[in-house]
Amino acid sequence: MHTAYRFTPEEVSDEQLARIYELAKYTPTALNSQPLRITFVRSEAARARLLPLLAEGNRAKSASAPVVAILAADTDFHVHLPVVNPQSQGARERFAANDELRRAMATNNAWLAAGGFILAVRATGLDAGPMGGINAAGIDAEFFAGTSLHTIMVVNIGHVADDGSFPRNPRLGFDQAVSLV
């Protein structure tokens, strides 16, 4: 499937959103840290807050999507480590003591999980339009002020319109992207 840029008005159900999460949560992350947090934007009020924080060329794309997911990294992921990774004794304390390491771990692994999230959207029978043309700091201030969440990207979700995607662009071949040593 190709990146979706325009969507039909068909709604996305709560059950579909729950299914996306049920699939996405199994994306591997270091220490099973699971730092990805998802905010599904559906209401007109929330959409009105989000759209001005997107690059001008991305606003119409998100406006046409029934759901826009804000994907964020939770820098307080470490508080859950005793439950999600009980084998790693002392991990919570190590991350609590090192803000720089904790933020890097959260961000890197949230990006990793974002790939799984996009695959989960598609596995649920929906189309995805991931976008990086955003004002992440603005989204953080608008949606996550006073929290440990930091926006990494947004993903438009729905059913792609007939004219809502471009032909797939070429991909690098094996010999261009892979080294055998």
N, C-alpha and C. Protein backbone atom coordinates (compact mmCIF):
# COMPACT_ATOMS: atom_id res chain seq x y z
N MET A 1 0.84 -1.18 0.00
CA MET A 1 0.00 0.00 0.00
C MET A 1 0.88 1.24 0.00
N HIS A 2 0.36 2.29 -0.55
CA HIS A 2 1.08 3.56 -0.67
C HIS A 2 0.64 4.51 0.44
N THR A 3 1.40 5.55 0.63
CA THR A 3 1.03 6.57 1.61
C THR A 3 -0.27 7.24 1.16
N ALA A 4 -1.22 7.35 2.08
CA ALA A 4 -2.51 7.96 1.79
C ALA A 4 -2.44 9.47 2.04
N TYR A 5 -2.95 10.24 1.07
CA TYR A 5 -2.95 11.70 1.17
C TYR A 5 -4.35 12.29 1.27
N ARG A 6 -5.33 11.55 0.83
CA ARG A 6 -6.71 12.00 0.87
C ARG A 6 -7.57 10.79 1.22
N PHE A 7 -8.61 11.03 2.01
CA PHE A 7 -9.39 9.93 2.56
C PHE A 7 -10.87 10.07 2.23
N THR A 8 -11.58 8.95 2.26
CA THR A 8 -13.04 8.97 2.14
C THR A 8 -13.60 9.40 3.50
N PRO A 9 -14.88 9.78 3.54
CA PRO A 9 -15.46 10.18 4.83
C PRO A 9 -15.85 9.00 5.73
N GLU A 10 -15.62 7.77 5.26
CA GLU A 10 -15.99 6.60 6.07
C GLU A 10 -15.31 6.65 7.44
N GLU A 11 -16.11 6.45 8.48
CA GLU A 11 -15.60 6.54 9.85
C GLU A 11 -14.66 5.39 10.19
N VAL A 12 -13.82 5.64 11.17
CA VAL A 12 -12.96 4.62 11.77
C VAL A 12 -13.52 4.38 13.17
N SER A 13 -13.82 3.13 13.47
CA SER A 13 -14.49 2.80 14.74
C SER A 13 -13.51 2.72 15.90
N ASP A 14 -14.06 2.82 17.10
CA ASP A 14 -13.26 2.62 18.31
C ASP A 14 -12.64 1.22 18.31
N GLU A 15 -13.38 0.25 17.81
CA GLU A 15 -12.87 -1.12 17.76
C GLU A 15 -11.66 -1.22 16.83
N GLN A 16 -11.70 -0.52 15.71
CA GLN A 16 -10.55 -0.52 14.80
C GLN A 16 -9.34 0.13 15.46
N LEU A 17 -9.56 1.21 16.18
CA LEU A 17 -8.44 1.87 16.86
C LEU A 17 -7.86 0.97 17.95
N ALA A 18 -8.73 0.28 18.67
CA ALA A 18 -8.25 -0.66 19.69
C ALA A 18 -7.47 -1.79 19.04
N ARG A 19 -7.92 -2.27 17.89
CA ARG A 19 -7.22 -3.34 17.18
C ARG A 19 -5.84 -2.87 16.73
N ILE A 20 -5.75 -1.64 16.24
CA ILE A 20 -4.44 -1.09 15.86
C ILE A 20 -3.49 -1.19 17.04
N TYR A 21 -3.95 -0.73 18.21
CA TYR A 21 -3.06 -0.77 19.37
C TYR A 21 -2.72 -2.21 19.75
N GLU A 22 -3.69 -3.10 19.70
CA GLU A 22 -3.43 -4.50 20.07
C GLU A 22 -2.35 -5.12 19.19
N LEU A 23 -2.28 -4.74 17.95
CA LEU A 23 -1.21 -5.22 17.06
C LEU A 23 0.09 -4.46 17.28
N ALA A 24 0.00 -3.15 17.38
CA ALA A 24 1.20 -2.30 17.47
C ALA A 24 1.98 -2.52 18.75
N LYS A 25 1.31 -2.89 19.82
CA LYS A 25 2.00 -3.00 21.11
C LYS A 25 3.03 -4.11 21.13
N TYR A 26 2.99 -5.00 20.16
CA TYR A 26 3.96 -6.10 20.10
C TYR A 26 5.21 -5.77 19.29
N THR A 27 5.33 -4.53 18.82
CA THR A 27 6.56 -4.12 18.15
C THR A 27 7.71 -4.23 19.14
N PRO A 28 8.80 -4.89 18.77
CA PRO A 28 9.94 -5.00 19.70
C PRO A 28 10.53 -3.63 20.03
N THR A 29 10.89 -3.46 21.29
CA THR A 29 11.61 -2.28 21.75
C THR A 29 12.68 -2.73 22.74
N ALA A 30 13.73 -1.94 22.87
CA ALA A 30 14.81 -2.28 23.80
C ALA A 30 14.25 -2.39 25.21
N LEU A 31 14.63 -3.44 25.90
CA LEU A 31 14.16 -3.72 27.26
C LEU A 31 12.64 -3.84 27.35
N ASN A 32 11.99 -4.08 26.21
CA ASN A 32 10.53 -4.10 26.17
C ASN A 32 9.96 -2.80 26.74
N SER A 33 10.65 -1.70 26.47
CA SER A 33 10.36 -0.41 27.11
C SER A 33 9.03 0.21 26.70
N GLN A 34 8.56 -0.06 25.50
CA GLN A 34 7.25 0.39 25.03
C GLN A 34 6.99 1.88 25.28
N PRO A 35 7.86 2.78 24.79
CA PRO A 35 7.67 4.20 25.09
C PRO A 35 6.69 4.93 24.17
N LEU A 36 6.15 4.26 23.16
CA LEU A 36 5.24 4.93 22.23
C LEU A 36 3.91 5.20 22.92
N ARG A 37 3.44 6.44 22.80
CA ARG A 37 2.11 6.81 23.27
C ARG A 37 1.35 7.38 22.09
N ILE A 38 0.07 7.06 22.03
CA ILE A 38 -0.77 7.40 20.87
C ILE A 38 -1.95 8.24 21.34
N THR A 39 -2.15 9.36 20.68
CA THR A 39 -3.34 10.17 20.92
C THR A 39 -4.11 10.22 19.62
N PHE A 40 -5.32 9.63 19.62
CA PHE A 40 -6.15 9.63 18.42
C PHE A 40 -7.00 10.91 18.42
N VAL A 41 -6.81 11.74 17.42
CA VAL A 41 -7.55 13.00 17.29
C VAL A 41 -8.73 12.74 16.37
N ARG A 42 -9.94 12.92 16.92
CA ARG A 42 -11.15 12.69 16.14
C ARG A 42 -12.13 13.86 16.20
N SER A 43 -12.23 14.49 17.34
CA SER A 43 -13.24 15.54 17.50
C SER A 43 -12.86 16.78 16.69
N GLU A 44 -13.86 17.55 16.34
CA GLU A 44 -13.61 18.79 15.59
C GLU A 44 -12.80 19.76 16.45
N ALA A 45 -13.07 19.80 17.75
CA ALA A 45 -12.35 20.72 18.63
C ALA A 45 -10.86 20.36 18.68
N ALA A 46 -10.55 19.09 18.83
CA ALA A 46 -9.14 18.67 18.87
C ALA A 46 -8.48 18.87 17.52
N ARG A 47 -9.21 18.61 16.46
CA ARG A 47 -8.67 18.80 15.10
C ARG A 47 -8.35 20.28 14.86
N ALA A 48 -9.20 21.17 15.36
CA ALA A 48 -8.96 22.61 15.20
C ALA A 48 -7.70 23.04 15.95
N ARG A 49 -7.37 22.36 17.02
CA ARG A 49 -6.14 22.67 17.76
C ARG A 49 -4.91 22.12 17.04
N LEU A 50 -5.07 20.97 16.36
CA LEU A 50 -3.93 20.30 15.73
C LEU A 50 -3.56 20.89 14.37
N LEU A 51 -4.54 21.13 13.52
CA LEU A 51 -4.26 21.51 12.14
C LEU A 51 -3.31 22.71 11.99
N PRO A 52 -3.44 23.77 12.78
CA PRO A 52 -2.50 24.89 12.62
C PRO A 52 -1.05 24.54 12.96
N LEU A 53 -0.84 23.41 13.63
CA LEU A 53 0.50 22.99 14.04
C LEU A 53 1.16 22.07 13.02
N LEU A 54 0.49 21.87 11.89
CA LEU A 54 1.03 21.06 10.80
C LEU A 54 1.55 21.99 9.71
N ALA A 55 2.52 21.51 8.95
CA ALA A 55 3.00 22.28 7.81
C ALA A 55 1.80 22.59 6.91
N GLU A 56 1.80 23.75 6.30
CA GLU A 56 0.66 24.19 5.51
C GLU A 56 0.25 23.14 4.47
N GLY A 57 1.22 22.52 3.83
CA GLY A 57 0.92 21.51 2.82
C GLY A 57 0.35 20.22 3.38
N ASN A 58 0.40 20.04 4.68
CA ASN A 58 -0.12 18.82 5.31
C ASN A 58 -1.52 19.00 5.89
N ARG A 59 -1.98 20.22 6.02
CA ARG A 59 -3.25 20.47 6.71
C ARG A 59 -4.44 19.84 6.02
N ALA A 60 -4.52 19.96 4.70
CA ALA A 60 -5.66 19.37 3.97
C ALA A 60 -5.64 17.85 4.07
N LYS A 61 -4.45 17.27 4.10
CA LYS A 61 -4.34 15.81 4.24
C LYS A 61 -4.95 15.37 5.56
N SER A 62 -4.57 16.03 6.64
CA SER A 62 -5.09 15.66 7.95
C SER A 62 -6.56 16.03 8.11
N ALA A 63 -6.97 17.13 7.48
CA ALA A 63 -8.38 17.53 7.56
C ALA A 63 -9.29 16.50 6.92
N SER A 64 -8.79 15.78 5.90
CA SER A 64 -9.63 14.79 5.22
C SER A 64 -9.65 13.44 5.93
N ALA A 65 -8.74 13.22 6.86
CA ALA A 65 -8.64 11.92 7.55
C ALA A 65 -9.64 11.84 8.69
N PRO A 66 -10.37 10.73 8.80
CA PRO A 66 -11.28 10.56 9.93
C PRO A 66 -10.57 10.58 11.29
N VAL A 67 -9.32 10.12 11.31
CA VAL A 67 -8.54 10.07 12.55
C VAL A 67 -7.11 10.51 12.23
N VAL A 68 -6.55 11.32 13.11
CA VAL A 68 -5.13 11.65 13.04
C VAL A 68 -4.51 11.18 14.35
N ALA A 69 -3.50 10.32 14.25
CA ALA A 69 -2.81 9.83 15.44
C ALA A 69 -1.58 10.69 15.70
N ILE A 70 -1.47 11.22 16.90
CA ILE A 70 -0.24 11.88 17.32
C ILE A 70 0.59 10.81 18.01
N LEU A 71 1.77 10.54 17.48
CA LEU A 71 2.66 9.55 18.09
C LEU A 71 3.71 10.30 18.90
N ALA A 72 3.87 9.89 20.14
CA ALA A 72 4.78 10.57 21.06
C ALA A 72 5.64 9.56 21.80
N ALA A 73 6.81 10.03 22.21
CA ALA A 73 7.72 9.25 23.05
C ALA A 73 7.49 9.66 24.50
N ASP A 74 7.33 8.68 25.36
CA ASP A 74 7.14 8.93 26.79
C ASP A 74 8.47 8.79 27.50
N THR A 75 9.03 9.91 27.95
CA THR A 75 10.33 9.86 28.62
C THR A 75 10.22 9.29 30.04
N ASP A 76 9.02 9.04 30.50
CA ASP A 76 8.83 8.35 31.78
C ASP A 76 8.51 6.87 31.60
N PHE A 77 8.89 6.32 30.44
CA PHE A 77 8.65 4.90 30.17
C PHE A 77 9.22 4.01 31.27
N HIS A 78 10.30 4.46 31.89
CA HIS A 78 11.04 3.63 32.85
C HIS A 78 10.21 3.25 34.07
N VAL A 79 9.17 4.01 34.38
CA VAL A 79 8.36 3.67 35.56
C VAL A 79 7.64 2.34 35.38
N HIS A 80 7.46 1.92 34.13
CA HIS A 80 6.76 0.66 33.84
C HIS A 80 7.72 -0.53 33.71
N LEU A 81 9.02 -0.29 33.73
CA LEU A 81 9.98 -1.38 33.50
C LEU A 81 9.86 -2.55 34.47
N PRO A 82 9.60 -2.33 35.75
CA PRO A 82 9.47 -3.50 36.64
C PRO A 82 8.34 -4.45 36.23
N VAL A 83 7.32 -3.92 35.55
CA VAL A 83 6.20 -4.75 35.10
C VAL A 83 6.48 -5.35 33.73
N VAL A 84 6.93 -4.52 32.77
CA VAL A 84 7.10 -4.99 31.39
C VAL A 84 8.42 -5.70 31.16
N ASN A 85 9.36 -5.55 32.08
CA ASN A 85 10.64 -6.25 31.98
C ASN A 85 11.17 -6.56 33.37
N PRO A 86 10.52 -7.49 34.07
CA PRO A 86 10.92 -7.79 35.45
C PRO A 86 12.32 -8.41 35.55
N GLN A 87 12.87 -8.90 34.44
CA GLN A 87 14.20 -9.49 34.46
C GLN A 87 15.30 -8.45 34.63
N SER A 88 15.02 -7.21 34.29
CA SER A 88 16.04 -6.15 34.33
C SER A 88 16.02 -5.45 35.68
N GLN A 89 16.63 -6.08 36.64
CA GLN A 89 16.70 -5.52 37.99
C GLN A 89 17.44 -4.19 37.98
N GLY A 90 16.86 -3.18 38.58
CA GLY A 90 17.50 -1.88 38.70
C GLY A 90 17.41 -0.99 37.48
N ALA A 91 16.76 -1.45 36.40
CA ALA A 91 16.68 -0.64 35.17
C ALA A 91 15.93 0.65 35.41
N ARG A 92 14.83 0.58 36.14
CA ARG A 92 14.06 1.80 36.40
C ARG A 92 14.94 2.85 37.07
N GLU A 93 15.70 2.45 38.05
CA GLU A 93 16.55 3.39 38.78
C GLU A 93 17.66 3.96 37.90
N ARG A 94 18.25 3.10 37.04
CA ARG A 94 19.31 3.58 36.14
C ARG A 94 18.78 4.66 35.19
N PHE A 95 17.60 4.44 34.64
CA PHE A 95 17.03 5.43 33.73
C PHE A 95 16.55 6.67 34.49
N ALA A 96 16.03 6.49 35.68
CA ALA A 96 15.58 7.64 36.48
C ALA A 96 16.74 8.59 36.77
N ALA A 97 17.94 8.06 36.87
CA ALA A 97 19.11 8.86 37.23
C ALA A 97 19.79 9.51 36.03
N ASN A 98 19.32 9.25 34.80
CA ASN A 98 20.03 9.75 33.62
C ASN A 98 19.02 10.27 32.58
N ASP A 99 18.71 11.56 32.67
CA ASP A 99 17.71 12.17 31.78
C ASP A 99 18.07 12.04 30.31
N GLU A 100 19.33 12.26 29.98
CA GLU A 100 19.77 12.21 28.57
C GLU A 100 19.59 10.80 28.00
N LEU A 101 20.01 9.80 28.73
CA LEU A 101 19.86 8.42 28.29
C LEU A 101 18.38 8.05 28.17
N ARG A 102 17.59 8.47 29.13
CA ARG A 102 16.17 8.14 29.14
C ARG A 102 15.47 8.76 27.93
N ARG A 103 15.78 10.02 27.62
CA ARG A 103 15.14 10.68 26.47
C ARG A 103 15.56 10.01 25.15
N ALA A 104 16.85 9.69 25.02
CA ALA A 104 17.32 9.02 23.81
C ALA A 104 16.67 7.65 23.66
N MET A 105 16.59 6.90 24.74
CA MET A 105 15.97 5.57 24.71
C MET A 105 14.50 5.68 24.32
N ALA A 106 13.80 6.64 24.92
CA ALA A 106 12.38 6.81 24.61
C ALA A 106 12.18 7.19 23.15
N THR A 107 12.95 8.15 22.67
CA THR A 107 12.78 8.63 21.30
C THR A 107 13.13 7.56 20.28
N ASN A 108 14.28 6.92 20.44
CA ASN A 108 14.70 5.89 19.48
C ASN A 108 13.71 4.75 19.42
N ASN A 109 13.23 4.30 20.56
CA ASN A 109 12.32 3.17 20.58
C ASN A 109 10.90 3.55 20.19
N ALA A 110 10.51 4.80 20.41
CA ALA A 110 9.21 5.25 19.92
C ALA A 110 9.21 5.28 18.39
N TRP A 111 10.33 5.71 17.79
CA TRP A 111 10.43 5.68 16.33
C TRP A 111 10.34 4.25 15.82
N LEU A 112 11.01 3.34 16.49
CA LEU A 112 10.94 1.93 16.11
C LEU A 112 9.49 1.44 16.18
N ALA A 113 8.82 1.76 17.28
CA ALA A 113 7.43 1.33 17.45
C ALA A 113 6.49 2.01 16.46
N ALA A 114 6.84 3.21 16.00
CA ALA A 114 6.01 3.90 15.01
C ALA A 114 5.91 3.09 13.72
N GLY A 115 7.00 2.43 13.33
CA GLY A 115 6.94 1.56 12.16
C GLY A 115 5.95 0.43 12.35
N GLY A 116 5.96 -0.17 13.54
CA GLY A 116 4.99 -1.21 13.85
C GLY A 116 3.57 -0.67 13.87
N PHE A 117 3.41 0.55 14.34
CA PHE A 117 2.09 1.19 14.37
C PHE A 117 1.53 1.33 12.96
N ILE A 118 2.35 1.80 12.03
CA ILE A 118 1.90 1.98 10.65
C ILE A 118 1.51 0.63 10.04
N LEU A 119 2.31 -0.40 10.29
CA LEU A 119 1.95 -1.73 9.80
C LEU A 119 0.65 -2.22 10.43
N ALA A 120 0.43 -1.90 11.70
CA ALA A 120 -0.80 -2.29 12.39
C ALA A 120 -2.02 -1.59 11.78
N VAL A 121 -1.87 -0.32 11.43
CA VAL A 121 -2.96 0.40 10.77
C VAL A 121 -3.34 -0.34 9.49
N ARG A 122 -2.35 -0.70 8.71
CA ARG A 122 -2.61 -1.38 7.44
C ARG A 122 -3.15 -2.79 7.66
N ALA A 123 -2.67 -3.48 8.68
CA ALA A 123 -3.16 -4.83 8.97
C ALA A 123 -4.61 -4.81 9.43
N THR A 124 -5.07 -3.68 9.92
CA THR A 124 -6.45 -3.53 10.36
C THR A 124 -7.37 -3.21 9.18
N GLY A 125 -6.81 -3.08 7.99
CA GLY A 125 -7.60 -2.80 6.80
C GLY A 125 -7.78 -1.32 6.52
N LEU A 126 -7.00 -0.51 7.19
CA LEU A 126 -7.07 0.94 6.99
C LEU A 126 -5.83 1.42 6.25
N ASP A 127 -5.87 2.66 5.83
CA ASP A 127 -4.73 3.26 5.14
C ASP A 127 -4.09 4.29 6.06
N ALA A 128 -2.79 4.50 5.86
CA ALA A 128 -2.02 5.39 6.72
C ALA A 128 -1.31 6.45 5.90
N GLY A 129 -1.22 7.63 6.46
CA GLY A 129 -0.46 8.72 5.88
C GLY A 129 0.45 9.33 6.93
N PRO A 130 1.62 8.71 7.18
CA PRO A 130 2.54 9.26 8.18
C PRO A 130 3.15 10.57 7.70
N MET A 131 3.31 11.52 8.63
CA MET A 131 3.84 12.83 8.27
C MET A 131 4.81 13.34 9.33
N GLY A 132 5.87 13.95 8.84
CA GLY A 132 6.83 14.59 9.72
C GLY A 132 6.81 16.10 9.61
N GLY A 133 6.04 16.67 8.71
CA GLY A 133 5.97 18.12 8.55
C GLY A 133 5.06 18.72 9.60
N ILE A 134 5.58 18.79 10.82
CA ILE A 134 4.77 19.22 11.97
C ILE A 134 5.58 20.15 12.85
N ASN A 135 4.89 20.89 13.67
CA ASN A 135 5.51 21.69 14.72
C ASN A 135 5.42 20.84 16.00
N ALA A 136 6.40 19.97 16.21
CA ALA A 136 6.35 19.03 17.33
C ALA A 136 6.30 19.76 18.67
N ALA A 137 7.07 20.81 18.83
CA ALA A 137 7.05 21.56 20.09
C ALA A 137 5.68 22.19 20.32
N GLY A 138 5.07 22.68 19.25
CA GLY A 138 3.73 23.25 19.36
C GLY A 138 2.69 22.21 19.73
N ILE A 139 2.79 21.02 19.14
CA ILE A 139 1.87 19.94 19.49
C ILE A 139 2.07 19.54 20.95
N ASP A 140 3.33 19.46 21.37
CA ASP A 140 3.60 19.15 22.78
C ASP A 140 2.93 20.17 23.70
N ALA A 141 3.07 21.45 23.38
CA ALA A 141 2.49 22.50 24.22
C ALA A 141 0.97 22.43 24.22
N GLU A 142 0.39 22.12 23.07
CA GLU A 142 -1.07 22.10 22.94
C GLU A 142 -1.72 20.86 23.55
N PHE A 143 -1.07 19.71 23.37
CA PHE A 143 -1.69 18.45 23.79
C PHE A 143 -1.03 17.80 25.00
N PHE A 144 0.25 18.06 25.23
CA PHE A 144 0.98 17.31 26.25
C PHE A 144 1.67 18.19 27.29
N ALA A 145 1.23 19.43 27.45
CA ALA A 145 1.87 20.33 28.41
C ALA A 145 1.85 19.71 29.81
N GLY A 146 3.00 19.77 30.47
CA GLY A 146 3.10 19.25 31.83
C GLY A 146 3.21 17.75 31.92
N THR A 147 3.42 17.08 30.78
CA THR A 147 3.56 15.62 30.78
C THR A 147 4.96 15.24 30.31
N SER A 148 5.21 13.96 30.28
CA SER A 148 6.50 13.43 29.81
C SER A 148 6.45 13.00 28.35
N LEU A 149 5.42 13.42 27.62
CA LEU A 149 5.26 13.03 26.22
C LEU A 149 5.85 14.07 25.28
N HIS A 150 6.53 13.57 24.23
CA HIS A 150 7.16 14.42 23.23
C HIS A 150 6.83 13.88 21.84
N THR A 151 6.15 14.69 21.05
CA THR A 151 5.68 14.29 19.72
C THR A 151 6.84 13.91 18.80
N ILE A 152 6.65 12.79 18.07
CA ILE A 152 7.63 12.42 17.05
C ILE A 152 7.06 12.51 15.64
N MET A 153 5.75 12.29 15.47
CA MET A 153 5.14 12.34 14.15
C MET A 153 3.63 12.27 14.29
N VAL A 154 2.92 12.51 13.18
CA VAL A 154 1.49 12.26 13.14
C VAL A 154 1.22 11.28 12.00
N VAL A 155 0.13 10.54 12.13
CA VAL A 155 -0.27 9.57 11.11
C VAL A 155 -1.75 9.76 10.83
N ASN A 156 -2.09 10.10 9.59
CA ASN A 156 -3.48 10.18 9.17
C ASN A 156 -3.99 8.76 8.94
N ILE A 157 -5.21 8.49 9.38
CA ILE A 157 -5.76 7.13 9.31
C ILE A 157 -7.17 7.18 8.74
N GLY A 158 -7.47 6.25 7.84
CA GLY A 158 -8.81 6.11 7.28
C GLY A 158 -8.77 5.21 6.07
N HIS A 159 -9.73 5.43 5.17
CA HIS A 159 -9.80 4.68 3.91
C HIS A 159 -9.39 5.65 2.81
N VAL A 160 -8.36 5.30 2.06
CA VAL A 160 -7.83 6.20 1.04
C VAL A 160 -8.88 6.45 -0.04
N ALA A 161 -8.98 7.70 -0.48
CA ALA A 161 -9.86 8.07 -1.58
C ALA A 161 -9.28 7.54 -2.88
N ASP A 162 -10.12 7.42 -3.90
CA ASP A 162 -9.65 6.90 -5.19
C ASP A 162 -8.46 7.67 -5.73
N ASP A 163 -8.44 8.97 -5.51
CA ASP A 163 -7.33 9.80 -5.99
C ASP A 163 -6.42 10.22 -4.83
N GLY A 164 -6.41 9.44 -3.76
CA GLY A 164 -5.75 9.85 -2.53
C GLY A 164 -4.35 9.33 -2.31
N SER A 165 -3.73 8.75 -3.34
CA SER A 165 -2.32 8.33 -3.19
C SER A 165 -1.64 8.44 -4.55
N PHE A 166 -0.33 8.48 -4.50
CA PHE A 166 0.47 8.52 -5.72
C PHE A 166 1.00 7.12 -6.00
N PRO A 167 1.42 6.84 -7.24
CA PRO A 167 2.06 5.55 -7.50
C PRO A 167 3.28 5.38 -6.61
N ARG A 168 3.56 4.15 -6.26
CA ARG A 168 4.72 3.87 -5.40
C ARG A 168 5.99 4.33 -6.09
N ASN A 169 6.82 5.06 -5.36
CA ASN A 169 8.12 5.48 -5.86
C ASN A 169 9.08 4.31 -5.84
N PRO A 170 10.13 4.37 -6.66
CA PRO A 170 11.10 3.27 -6.69
C PRO A 170 11.79 3.09 -5.34
N ARG A 171 12.22 1.88 -5.09
CA ARG A 171 12.99 1.54 -3.90
C ARG A 171 14.38 1.13 -4.34
N LEU A 172 15.35 1.35 -3.47
CA LEU A 172 16.71 0.91 -3.77
C LEU A 172 16.74 -0.60 -3.87
N GLY A 173 17.60 -1.10 -4.75
CA GLY A 173 17.77 -2.53 -4.90
C GLY A 173 18.65 -3.11 -3.81
N PHE A 174 18.65 -4.42 -3.72
CA PHE A 174 19.45 -5.14 -2.73
C PHE A 174 20.91 -4.70 -2.78
N ASP A 175 21.48 -4.65 -3.98
CA ASP A 175 22.90 -4.30 -4.12
C ASP A 175 23.20 -2.86 -3.71
N GLN A 176 22.21 -1.99 -3.73
CA GLN A 176 22.41 -0.60 -3.34
C GLN A 176 22.27 -0.38 -1.83
N ALA A 177 21.52 -1.22 -1.18
CA ALA A 177 21.19 -0.98 0.22
C ALA A 177 21.78 -1.99 1.19
N VAL A 178 22.33 -3.08 0.67
CA VAL A 178 22.78 -4.17 1.54
C VAL A 178 24.25 -4.47 1.28
N SER A 179 24.98 -4.69 2.35
CA SER A 179 26.38 -5.13 2.25
C SER A 179 26.49 -6.51 2.86
N LEU A 180 27.22 -7.37 2.19
CA LEU A 180 27.52 -8.69 2.72
C LEU A 180 28.99 -8.70 3.07
N VAL A 181 29.32 -8.88 4.33
CA VAL A 181 30.73 -8.83 4.75
C VAL A 181 31.16 -10.13 5.39
